[in-house]
Amino acid sequence: MISCPKCFTNNQKDVPRCISCGTSLVGITEEQNQETIRRFRQRNRLRSHMITGAILCFGLPTVFGFPSSLLPTQLLINVIFGVVFGVPLGYLVSKYASSVVGGAAIGCCVGIVYTALQMLIFYHDLSWIAILIGIGTGIVPGGIMGWHVEQDH
């Protein structure tokens, strides 16, 4: 079996073109095929961690803020928080951390940046409390994401 380097479809060895996208498979060596498979697995793992980060960063505030988090405006804020904070958190932890501690550290950094931006946009002020809120905001989801990545490897 040869994997297409463009669409990652598995093809028979004697087929000159990919059956899905038509990319030429002539001249692909076994090493190139293994590299294609490795990139495919890495891309799927990265996508899975980004989705997990978004769900985690939506779910945690929703569960911990119950019952007031079920208001429509609060749900919308949690969805925005999950996308804006969770997707980059999942990407960074998947790419650069392989343990709970590394995930928590990256979560703290992303949380500080997110909270600082939020403080500057809404309150036009940046104080030391933003750092503490950012650490608290990022350490739990980052640690859970680090654990998820650690279990995935």
Foldseek 3Di string as FASTA:
>chain_A
DAADLPPRDDDDPPDQADPPPGHGPPPQDPVNRVVSVVVVVLVVQLVVLLVVQLCVQLPPCCVVVPPVCPPPVNSVVSNVRSNVQRNVLSNCCLVPAQALVVLLVSQLVSLLVVLQVVCCVPVVDGDPVSSVRSSVSRRVSSSVSNHVNNVVD
